[in-house]
Protein backbone atom coordinates (compact mmCIF):
# COMPACT_ATOMS: atom_id res chain seq x y z
CA MET A 1 28.50 -34.88 -4.30
CA GLY A 2 25.56 -34.41 -1.97
CA ARG A 3 26.72 -30.93 -1.01
CA GLU A 4 26.97 -29.86 -4.67
CA ALA A 5 23.48 -31.22 -5.40
CA ALA A 6 22.12 -29.35 -2.39
CA ARG A 7 23.77 -26.16 -3.63
CA ARG A 8 22.21 -26.56 -7.09
CA ASP A 9 18.77 -27.13 -5.54
CA VAL A 10 19.10 -23.97 -3.45
CA LEU A 11 20.15 -21.91 -6.45
CA ARG A 12 17.22 -23.23 -8.46
CA PHE A 13 14.80 -22.51 -5.62
CA THR A 14 16.23 -19.02 -5.07
CA SER A 15 16.06 -18.08 -8.74
CA LEU A 16 12.43 -19.17 -8.94
CA LEU A 17 11.61 -17.19 -5.83
CA LEU A 18 13.39 -14.05 -7.01
CA LEU A 19 11.75 -14.22 -10.42
CA GLY A 20 8.35 -14.20 -8.72
CA ILE A 21 6.89 -17.21 -10.53
CA GLY A 22 3.15 -17.29 -10.00
CA GLY A 23 2.16 -14.02 -11.65
CA ALA A 24 0.96 -10.69 -10.36
CA ASN A 25 -2.53 -12.03 -9.80
CA ALA A 26 -1.51 -14.94 -7.61
CA PHE A 27 -2.25 -14.72 -3.90
CA SER A 28 0.86 -15.51 -1.89
CA ARG A 29 0.50 -16.92 1.58
CA PRO A 30 1.95 -15.07 4.58
CA PRO A 31 4.91 -16.49 6.51
CA LYS A 32 3.92 -19.49 8.59
CA THR A 33 4.13 -17.77 11.94
CA CYS A 34 0.46 -18.46 12.60
CA SER A 35 -1.39 -21.55 13.63
CA PRO A 36 -2.18 -23.80 10.66
CA SER A 37 -5.45 -24.87 12.25
CA ILE A 38 -7.31 -21.79 10.98
CA SER A 39 -7.19 -21.18 7.24
CA VAL A 40 -7.58 -17.53 6.28
CA TYR A 41 -6.95 -17.69 2.56
CA PRO A 42 -9.12 -19.70 0.17
CA ALA A 43 -7.77 -22.45 -2.01
CA ARG A 44 -6.34 -21.00 -5.20
CA ARG A 45 -7.07 -22.16 -8.68
CA PRO A 46 -4.38 -24.42 -10.17
CA SER A 47 -3.30 -21.65 -12.55
CA ASP A 48 -2.62 -19.33 -9.61
CA HIS A 49 -0.15 -21.64 -7.87
CA ALA A 50 3.56 -21.02 -8.03
CA THR A 51 5.76 -24.08 -8.31
CA PHE A 52 8.53 -23.90 -5.72
CA LEU A 53 11.18 -26.52 -5.10
CA PRO A 54 11.55 -27.58 -1.46
CA LEU A 55 14.66 -26.52 0.38
CA PRO A 56 17.02 -29.46 0.81
CA ALA A 57 17.84 -30.70 4.28
CA VAL A 58 21.12 -29.30 5.59
CA ALA A 59 22.94 -31.61 7.93
CA ASN A 60 25.91 -29.72 9.35
CA PRO A 61 27.27 -26.17 9.84
CA ALA A 62 29.57 -26.44 6.82
CA GLU A 63 26.66 -27.24 4.52
CA LYS A 64 24.57 -24.48 6.12
CA ALA A 65 27.35 -21.99 5.43
CA ALA A 66 27.56 -23.18 1.82
CA VAL A 67 23.80 -22.80 1.38
CA ASN A 68 23.77 -19.32 2.95
CA SER A 69 26.69 -18.26 0.76
CA ALA A 70 24.92 -19.52 -2.37
CA VAL A 71 21.71 -17.71 -1.48
CA GLU A 72 23.58 -14.49 -0.71
CA HIS A 73 25.52 -14.72 -3.97
CA GLU A 74 22.31 -15.25 -5.96
CA GLY A 75 20.67 -12.31 -4.21
CA GLN A 76 23.62 -10.05 -5.01
CA ARG A 77 23.56 -11.16 -8.64
CA LYS A 78 19.84 -10.39 -8.93
CA LEU A 79 20.33 -7.00 -7.25
CA ALA A 80 23.11 -6.03 -9.65
CA GLN A 81 20.99 -7.14 -12.60
CA ASP A 82 18.02 -5.05 -11.43
CA LEU A 83 20.19 -1.95 -10.94
CA VAL A 84 21.49 -2.32 -14.51
CA THR A 85 17.88 -2.63 -15.72
CA ILE A 86 17.04 0.67 -14.01
CA GLN A 87 20.09 2.33 -15.58
CA GLU A 88 19.17 1.13 -19.08
CA TYR A 89 15.57 2.26 -18.60
CA LEU A 90 16.62 5.77 -17.56
CA ASN A 91 19.00 6.15 -20.50
CA ARG A 92 16.43 4.88 -22.97
CA ASP A 93 13.17 6.49 -21.82
CA HIS A 94 14.03 9.37 -19.48
CA LYS A 95 16.77 11.46 -21.06
CA ASP A 96 14.90 14.69 -20.37
CA LEU A 97 14.28 13.71 -16.75
CA LEU A 98 17.99 12.95 -16.25
CA CYS A 99 18.84 16.43 -17.57
CA ARG A 100 16.38 18.03 -15.18
CA TRP A 101 17.76 16.02 -12.26
CA ALA A 102 21.29 17.13 -13.15
CA ARG A 103 20.15 20.76 -13.19
CA ALA A 104 18.23 20.45 -9.90
CA PHE A 105 20.39 18.15 -7.75
CA CYS A 106 23.99 18.34 -9.05
CA PRO A 107 26.75 20.96 -8.56
CA VAL A 108 26.72 21.61 -12.29
CA GLY A 109 23.21 23.01 -11.84
CA ASP A 110 24.53 25.72 -9.51
CA GLU A 111 27.31 26.46 -11.99
CA ILE A 112 24.76 26.91 -14.78
CA SER A 113 22.59 29.20 -12.63
CA LYS A 114 25.56 31.47 -11.87
CA ALA A 115 26.72 31.55 -15.49
CA ASN A 116 23.22 32.38 -16.72
CA PHE A 117 22.65 35.13 -14.17
CA TRP A 118 23.68 37.82 -16.68
CA ARG A 119 23.21 35.89 -19.91
CA GLY A 120 20.37 33.39 -20.13
CA ASP A 121 22.10 31.14 -22.67
CA ALA A 122 25.64 31.14 -21.32
CA MET A 123 25.49 27.48 -20.26
CA THR A 124 23.03 24.74 -21.14
CA ILE A 125 22.81 20.98 -20.64
CA LEU A 126 22.86 19.15 -23.97
CA ASP A 127 22.61 15.58 -22.74
CA THR A 128 22.81 13.48 -19.58
CA GLN A 129 23.65 9.80 -19.31
CA CYS A 130 23.31 7.60 -16.23
CA THR A 131 26.59 5.71 -15.81
CA GLN A 132 25.68 3.81 -12.65
CA VAL A 133 22.70 3.20 -10.37
CA ARG A 134 23.57 2.64 -6.71
CA LEU A 135 21.37 1.83 -3.73
CA ASP A 136 22.19 5.28 -2.33
CA GLY A 137 22.24 7.36 -5.50
CA LEU A 138 23.00 7.87 -9.19
CA ASP A 139 26.18 8.61 -11.15
CA LEU A 140 25.67 10.85 -14.19
CA ARG A 141 27.76 12.09 -17.12
CA VAL A 142 26.52 15.52 -18.16
CA ALA A 143 27.32 17.18 -21.50
CA VAL A 144 27.40 20.97 -21.03
CA ALA A 145 27.59 23.64 -23.73
CA GLU A 146 29.31 26.91 -22.76
CA GLN A 147 28.59 29.83 -25.05
CA GLY A 148 31.66 31.95 -25.64
CA ILE A 149 31.58 35.66 -26.32
CA PHE A 150 32.84 34.97 -29.84
CA GLY A 151 32.84 31.79 -31.87
CA LYS A 152 31.21 28.40 -31.41
CA PRO A 153 30.07 27.06 -28.05
CA LYS A 154 32.48 24.90 -26.11
CA ILE A 155 31.17 21.46 -25.19
CA ARG A 156 32.54 19.54 -22.22
CA GLU A 157 31.50 16.50 -20.20
CA VAL A 158 31.42 16.44 -16.39
CA ASP A 159 30.81 13.52 -14.05
CA GLN A 160 28.23 14.22 -11.36
CA SER A 161 26.65 12.24 -8.51
CA ILE A 162 23.24 12.40 -6.85
CA THR A 163 22.85 11.02 -3.33
CA PHE A 164 19.36 9.98 -2.29
CA SER A 165 17.76 11.27 0.88
CA THR A 166 18.76 9.21 3.94
CA GLN A 167 15.23 9.16 5.36
CA ARG A 168 14.60 5.63 4.05
CA ILE A 169 16.91 2.61 4.36
CA ARG A 170 17.45 1.30 0.84
CA SER A 171 18.29 -2.35 0.27
CA ARG A 172 16.08 -3.25 -2.72
CA PRO A 173 15.65 -1.95 -6.26
CA ALA A 174 12.12 -0.90 -5.30
CA ASP A 175 13.61 1.49 -2.73
CA VAL A 176 15.77 3.06 -5.44
CA ILE A 177 12.70 3.53 -7.63
CA ARG A 178 10.83 5.14 -4.71
CA ALA A 179 13.72 7.58 -4.25
CA MET A 180 13.66 8.50 -7.95
CA ILE A 181 9.89 8.98 -7.78
CA SER A 182 10.40 11.45 -4.93
CA MET A 183 13.00 13.31 -6.99
CA ALA A 184 10.61 13.53 -9.93
CA SER A 185 7.86 14.86 -7.65
CA THR A 186 10.25 17.43 -6.17
CA ILE A 187 10.88 19.01 -9.58
CA GLY A 188 7.16 18.88 -10.43
CA ASP A 189 7.33 16.08 -13.00
CA GLU A 190 4.31 14.07 -11.84
CA ASP A 191 3.87 12.45 -15.26
CA SER A 192 7.16 10.57 -14.90
CA THR A 193 6.32 9.06 -11.49
CA ALA A 194 4.05 6.36 -12.90
CA SER A 195 6.54 5.52 -15.64
CA LEU A 196 9.31 5.10 -13.06
CA TYR A 197 7.06 2.95 -10.88
CA LYS A 198 6.51 0.56 -13.78
CA ILE A 199 10.23 -0.19 -14.28
CA PRO A 200 10.23 -4.00 -14.52
CA VAL A 201 12.23 -4.87 -11.39
CA ASP A 202 11.41 -6.18 -7.93
CA ASP A 203 8.53 -8.49 -7.09
CA GLY A 204 7.00 -6.44 -4.27
CA LYS A 205 4.75 -4.16 -6.32
CA TRP A 206 1.00 -4.34 -5.90
CA VAL A 207 -0.71 -4.93 -9.23
CA ILE A 208 -4.47 -4.64 -9.65
CA PRO A 209 -5.62 -7.59 -11.77
CA ASN A 210 -7.37 -6.96 -15.05
CA ASN A 211 -11.13 -7.44 -15.34
CA LEU A 212 -12.22 -6.94 -11.71
CA TYR A 213 -15.42 -5.33 -13.04
CA MET A 214 -16.05 -3.15 -9.99
CA ASN A 215 -18.72 -1.20 -11.88
CA GLY A 216 -20.94 -4.26 -11.64
CA VAL A 217 -22.68 -4.81 -8.30
CA PRO A 218 -22.76 -7.28 -6.67
CA TRP A 219 -19.11 -8.08 -7.20
CA LYS A 220 -17.79 -11.47 -8.15
CA PRO A 221 -16.38 -13.46 -5.20
CA PHE A 222 -12.90 -13.26 -6.77
CA THR A 223 -13.00 -9.44 -6.69
CA ARG A 224 -13.99 -9.33 -3.04
CA GLN A 225 -11.43 -11.93 -2.04
CA PHE A 226 -8.68 -10.05 -3.87
CA PHE A 227 -9.24 -7.01 -1.64
CA TYR A 228 -9.81 -9.05 1.53
CA ASN A 229 -6.47 -10.83 1.10
CA ARG A 230 -4.58 -7.63 0.36
CA ILE A 231 -6.06 -5.78 3.34
CA VAL A 232 -5.37 -8.68 5.70
CA ARG A 233 -1.72 -8.76 4.63
CA ALA A 234 -1.38 -4.97 4.86
CA VAL A 235 -2.77 -4.88 8.40
CA ASP A 236 -0.62 -7.82 9.49
CA ALA A 237 2.53 -6.17 8.10
CA ALA A 238 1.73 -2.90 9.90
CA ILE A 239 1.13 -4.69 13.21
CA ARG A 240 4.45 -6.53 12.88
CA ASP A 241 6.37 -3.31 12.16
CA PRO A 242 7.49 -1.94 15.55
CA SER A 243 8.19 1.49 14.05
CA PHE A 244 4.60 1.97 12.85
CA PRO A 245 2.04 3.65 15.16
CA ASN A 246 -0.61 1.43 16.74
CA ARG A 247 -3.49 3.67 15.57
CA MET A 248 -4.29 2.48 12.07
CA ALA A 249 -6.88 3.34 9.43
CA ILE A 250 -8.27 1.31 6.53
CA LYS A 251 -9.91 3.30 3.75
CA PHE A 252 -11.90 0.95 1.52
CA LEU A 253 -14.42 3.01 -0.45
CA THR A 254 -15.82 1.30 -3.53
CA PRO A 255 -19.36 0.89 -4.92
CA GLU A 256 -19.89 -2.07 -2.57
CA SER A 257 -18.15 -0.71 0.52
CA ASN A 258 -18.90 3.04 0.49
CA PRO A 259 -21.82 3.88 2.82
CA ALA A 260 -22.56 7.00 0.76
CA PHE A 261 -23.58 4.92 -2.27
CA ASP A 262 -26.94 3.27 -2.81
CA THR A 263 -25.03 0.16 -3.93
CA TYR A 264 -23.52 -0.21 -0.44
CA ARG A 265 -23.40 -3.81 0.74
CA ILE A 266 -22.89 -4.20 4.50
CA GLY A 267 -22.01 -7.86 3.93
CA THR A 268 -18.82 -6.87 2.09
CA ILE A 269 -17.59 -4.86 5.07
CA LEU A 270 -18.52 -7.56 7.59
CA GLU A 271 -16.89 -10.29 5.52
CA LEU A 272 -13.71 -8.20 5.49
CA VAL A 273 -13.92 -7.75 9.27
CA ARG A 274 -14.33 -11.50 9.68
CA GLU A 275 -11.23 -12.16 7.55
CA LEU A 276 -9.24 -9.65 9.61
CA ALA A 277 -10.42 -11.19 12.88
CA PHE A 278 -9.73 -14.77 11.81
CA HIS A 279 -6.20 -13.92 10.73
CA GLN A 280 -5.36 -12.21 14.02
CA VAL A 281 -6.88 -15.14 15.93
CA SER A 282 -4.74 -17.55 13.90
CA CYS A 283 -1.73 -15.56 15.13
CA GLY A 284 -2.77 -16.13 18.74
CA LYS A 285 -4.43 -12.75 19.34
CA ARG A 286 -7.72 -11.93 21.01
CA VAL A 287 -9.79 -9.51 18.93
CA LYS A 288 -12.56 -7.12 19.91
CA LEU A 289 -14.90 -5.99 17.11
CA CYS A 290 -16.69 -2.74 17.89
CA VAL A 291 -19.69 -0.97 16.39
CA GLN A 292 -20.70 2.39 17.81
CA GLN A 293 -23.85 2.50 19.87
CA LYS A 294 -26.84 4.82 19.50
CA MET A 295 -25.88 8.38 20.37
CA GLY A 296 -27.88 11.49 21.19
CA GLU A 297 -30.70 12.32 23.55
CA GLY A 298 -34.41 11.66 23.54
CA ILE A 299 -36.05 11.45 20.15
CA PHE A 300 -32.76 12.45 18.53
CA LYS A 301 -30.98 9.32 19.75
CA GLY A 302 -30.00 7.03 16.91
CA LEU A 303 -27.45 5.57 14.54
CA PRO A 304 -26.26 6.46 11.04
CA ILE A 305 -28.23 4.52 8.41
CA SER A 306 -25.08 2.69 7.31
CA LEU A 307 -24.63 1.22 10.81
CA ASN A 308 -28.26 0.46 11.54
CA GLY A 309 -28.46 -3.26 12.28
CA CYS A 310 -24.71 -3.73 11.78
CA ARG A 311 -24.06 -5.02 15.31
CA PHE A 312 -26.89 -7.58 15.06
CA ILE A 313 -25.70 -8.86 11.67
CA LEU A 314 -22.10 -8.98 12.88
CA GLU A 315 -22.92 -11.14 15.88
CA ASN A 316 -25.24 -13.47 13.97
CA MET A 317 -23.26 -14.00 10.77
CA ASP A 318 -21.67 -17.37 10.07
CA TRP A 319 -18.52 -17.53 12.21
CA GLN A 320 -18.15 -21.34 11.93
CA SER A 321 -17.87 -21.23 15.71
CA LYS A 322 -20.55 -23.70 16.74
CA GLU A 323 -19.85 -27.16 18.09
CA GLY A 324 -18.28 -29.38 15.46
CA GLU A 325 -17.54 -26.53 13.04
CA GLU A 326 -14.12 -25.51 11.76
CA LYS A 327 -13.56 -22.68 14.23
CA GLU A 328 -15.47 -24.13 17.15
CA GLY A 329 -15.60 -21.84 20.18
CA VAL A 330 -13.66 -18.95 18.66
CA VAL A 331 -16.50 -16.47 19.30
CA GLY A 332 -16.65 -15.73 23.00
CA THR A 333 -13.08 -16.84 23.68
CA GLN A 334 -10.87 -15.12 21.10
CA ILE A 335 -13.38 -12.90 19.29
CA HIS A 336 -15.60 -10.55 21.28
CA PHE A 337 -18.05 -7.80 20.32
CA GLY A 338 -18.49 -4.38 21.85
CA GLU A 339 -19.41 -0.72 21.54
CA VAL A 340 -17.17 2.32 21.19
CA GLY A 341 -15.83 3.71 24.45
CA GLU A 342 -13.22 3.07 27.09
CA HIS A 343 -15.65 0.89 29.08
CA VAL A 344 -15.27 -1.97 26.56
CA VAL A 345 -11.46 -2.07 26.70
CA GLU A 346 -10.35 -5.08 28.73
CA GLU A 347 -6.89 -6.23 29.72
CA GLU A 348 -7.09 -9.48 27.75
CA ASP A 349 -7.91 -7.72 24.44
CA ASP A 350 -5.00 -7.70 21.97
CA VAL A 351 -6.45 -6.02 18.86
CA PHE A 352 -9.37 -3.62 18.41
CA ILE A 353 -11.22 -3.25 15.10
CA LEU A 354 -13.84 -0.48 14.88
CA ILE A 355 -16.33 -0.56 12.02
CA ALA A 356 -17.01 2.81 10.37
CA PRO A 357 -16.93 5.10 13.42
CA GLN A 358 -18.52 8.42 12.49
CA ASN A 359 -19.97 11.61 13.86
CA VAL A 360 -23.70 12.15 13.69
CA VAL A 361 -25.63 15.39 13.64
CA GLY A 362 -25.71 16.70 17.19
CA VAL A 363 -23.20 14.25 18.69
CA SER A 364 -19.47 13.73 18.13
CA ILE A 365 -17.90 10.28 18.31
CA ILE A 366 -14.47 11.83 18.93
CA PRO A 367 -14.59 11.93 22.79
CA LEU A 368 -15.61 8.25 23.00
CA LEU A 369 -13.06 7.25 20.37
CA GLU A 370 -10.27 9.26 21.97
CA ALA A 371 -10.90 7.81 25.43
CA MET A 372 -11.01 4.28 24.02
CA ALA A 373 -7.78 4.73 22.04
CA ARG A 374 -6.04 6.16 25.09
CA LYS A 375 -7.05 3.21 27.26
CA ALA A 376 -6.03 0.73 24.54
CA GLY A 377 -2.50 2.07 24.89
CA ASP A 378 0.02 0.53 22.52
CA ARG A 379 -2.27 -2.28 21.33
CA PRO A 380 -3.31 -2.23 17.64
CA PHE A 381 -6.33 0.05 17.29
CA ILE A 382 -7.79 -0.19 13.78
CA VAL A 383 -10.61 1.92 12.34
CA LEU A 384 -12.28 0.78 9.11
CA ASN A 385 -13.76 3.51 6.90
CA PRO A 386 -13.85 6.20 9.60
CA SER A 387 -15.76 9.43 8.95
CA LEU A 388 -14.51 11.86 11.58
CA ARG A 389 -15.35 15.13 9.85
CA ASP A 390 -17.48 17.61 11.77
CA ARG A 391 -21.27 17.65 11.35
CA PRO A 392 -22.18 21.06 12.81
CA SER A 393 -25.60 21.47 14.41
CA ALA A 394 -27.44 23.66 16.88
CA GLY A 395 -26.36 23.72 20.49
CA ASP A 396 -22.73 24.60 19.72
CA VAL A 397 -21.96 21.00 18.72
CA MET A 398 -18.96 20.50 16.41
CA GLN A 399 -18.71 24.19 15.63
CA VAL A 400 -15.44 26.10 15.19
CA ARG A 401 -14.45 25.73 18.83
CA GLY A 402 -12.35 22.60 19.35
CA ARG A 403 -12.17 21.77 15.64
CA GLU A 404 -8.38 21.96 15.54
CA GLU A 405 -8.10 19.41 18.37
CA ARG A 406 -10.61 17.08 16.71
CA MET A 407 -8.72 17.24 13.42
CA ALA A 408 -5.43 16.59 15.21
CA PHE A 409 -6.88 13.45 16.79
CA GLY A 410 -8.06 12.17 13.41
CA LYS A 411 -4.54 12.60 12.03
CA THR A 412 -3.11 10.25 14.68
CA PHE A 413 -4.54 7.35 12.64
CA LYS A 414 -2.09 6.34 9.92
CA THR A 415 -3.25 4.62 6.74
CA VAL A 416 -2.30 0.95 6.38
CA PHE A 417 -4.42 0.36 3.28
CA ALA A 418 -6.49 2.56 1.01
CA PHE A 419 -8.50 2.05 -2.14
CA GLU A 420 -11.09 4.58 -3.23
CA THR A 421 -12.76 4.56 -6.62
CA GLN A 422 -13.09 7.85 -8.50
CA HIS A 423 -16.17 8.93 -10.45
CA ASP A 424 -17.02 11.75 -12.87
CA LYS A 425 -20.55 12.31 -11.62
CA GLY A 426 -22.48 10.61 -8.86
CA MET A 427 -21.74 6.94 -8.39
CA PHE A 428 -21.41 5.64 -11.93
CA LYS A 429 -19.26 4.92 -13.64
CA ILE A 430 -15.79 4.40 -12.22
CA ASN A 431 -13.10 6.29 -14.12
CA GLY A 432 -10.16 5.60 -11.82
CA ALA A 433 -9.01 5.03 -8.28
CA VAL A 434 -6.54 6.11 -5.61
CA GLY A 435 -4.82 3.40 -3.62
CA LYS A 436 -2.13 2.56 -1.07
CA ALA A 437 -1.27 -1.14 -0.80
CA GLY A 438 0.42 -1.08 2.61
CA HIS A 439 1.74 1.08 5.41
CA ASP A 440 5.15 1.37 3.72
CA GLN A 441 3.85 1.63 0.15
CA PRO A 442 3.35 4.78 -1.97
CA TRP A 443 0.03 6.31 -2.95
CA ILE A 444 -0.95 5.56 -6.54
CA ARG A 445 -3.54 7.22 -8.74
CA TYR A 446 -5.03 4.94 -11.39
CA VAL A 447 -7.09 5.63 -14.49
CA LEU A 448 -9.55 2.98 -15.61
CA ILE A 449 -9.26 1.98 -19.27
CA ASP A 450 -11.87 -0.36 -20.71
CA ASN A 451 -12.60 -1.82 -24.14
CA GLN A 452 -15.16 0.91 -24.81
CA GLU A 453 -12.35 3.47 -24.70
CA GLY A 454 -10.08 1.86 -27.26
CA LEU A 455 -8.35 -0.79 -25.15
CA GLN A 456 -7.25 -3.63 -27.37
CA ASN A 457 -8.87 -6.85 -26.20
CA VAL A 458 -5.62 -8.81 -26.00
CA ASN A 459 -5.45 -11.80 -23.66
CA ASN A 460 -8.93 -10.96 -22.39
CA ARG A 461 -7.87 -7.50 -21.13
CA ARG A 462 -11.21 -5.72 -21.02
CA GLU A 463 -10.70 -3.52 -17.96
CA VAL A 464 -7.31 -2.25 -16.81
CA TYR A 465 -6.30 0.05 -13.94
CA GLU A 466 -3.28 1.95 -15.24
CA PRO A 467 -1.05 3.93 -12.80
CA VAL A 468 -0.77 7.60 -13.80
CA GLN A 469 0.74 9.16 -10.66
CA VAL A 470 2.80 7.86 -7.75
CA THR A 471 3.48 9.93 -4.65
CA GLU A 472 4.48 9.57 -1.01
CA ARG A 473 1.49 11.66 0.08
CA GLU A 474 -2.18 11.10 -0.61
CA PRO A 475 -3.00 12.76 -3.95
CA ALA A 476 -5.32 15.74 -3.78
CA ASP A 477 -8.79 15.26 -5.27
């Protein structure tokens, strides 16, 4: 009796978890591999909380096996259901795309090309139906019309299969959707990529909440915290992935965080850095936060305006590190501050976070950055909003010579998170964005739709970021 009750509890818990109760806007906590003594994420509003049932205690190996079997069975059932959902979606909304895939990726496409070599209308595809969606490909039934020399065309149906590229291990419906997005991009159908991305399966998609109001500066605390939480999770996931390079880049360019804008708020960047540092400390790491020093010679020695005073503010902001405070003693023991250069790299440092390293007129930051990254070795080396493009000046500084090597070094940093707002003219107003939610996530181009542009104000939806393009590579401007 107890075993059956335990099994029912596990099934209930698993179904709630797989259904993603809590909503797209809820902040989910990371796995509890970190010390609970340091809280990184703020308390959520009651409406944001998901209600999960606790896992029942399992007393012996037989009960453990029963629980594992129940969980596996439920997972397989959900997977099969999601694959059927994808199949139905393709047959309902993407008939034309299925026909184009059959022509581009199936043997029948080669047959049609040969038949039409002399006569352009000898063979055509009338219709294509998806008969099965697999983790490694699609099964299609293609209706082909063959034009005879005399008489009516002959129509026949052929069964075809498409096997996805083996470059990515596919175990979730989201992986299948990513593969189909790549196929759509390959045949030049960028418009279908966003539609495929929005197929209602899998709970791992990043959704930008409605009504963030990023055009208004200063932002609401909720808007800032939404991005802080997402970036912290993206960085943590990249660090935990042994296959991902240790040189990482965060691109967070919005009205509040873009140094090129007059609405730039240094506090937003430093609050983000503090969140990143606290999370790594809670995981038992020692973090070094670095701001580049003054560079140049004589009267030309100085800092970019966006970094002027940054080091002072960083060291004197509220770290809750004083005696009796929540994170007493963390600064000076687990969090340290430094400049940019190999001289600040110490053996006890575990993670390096560099704030907006950038070239200045007359001096390149690349040599200092390259030496520091080399000495850091395989430890996580994270640059936030880097600007490593050349700034040519007199004295043969950052001219054509050596540019290829400098660009190659910049490309060694792989993006773990990106979000950049797009604007028609100047800085106002936002008309869209380009984002990447994690190191293993696709790039997404969004268009901003607000109630001034015909958006129906339903359920308080006044500002919506709608995906319009999904790609594996950063979209061109």
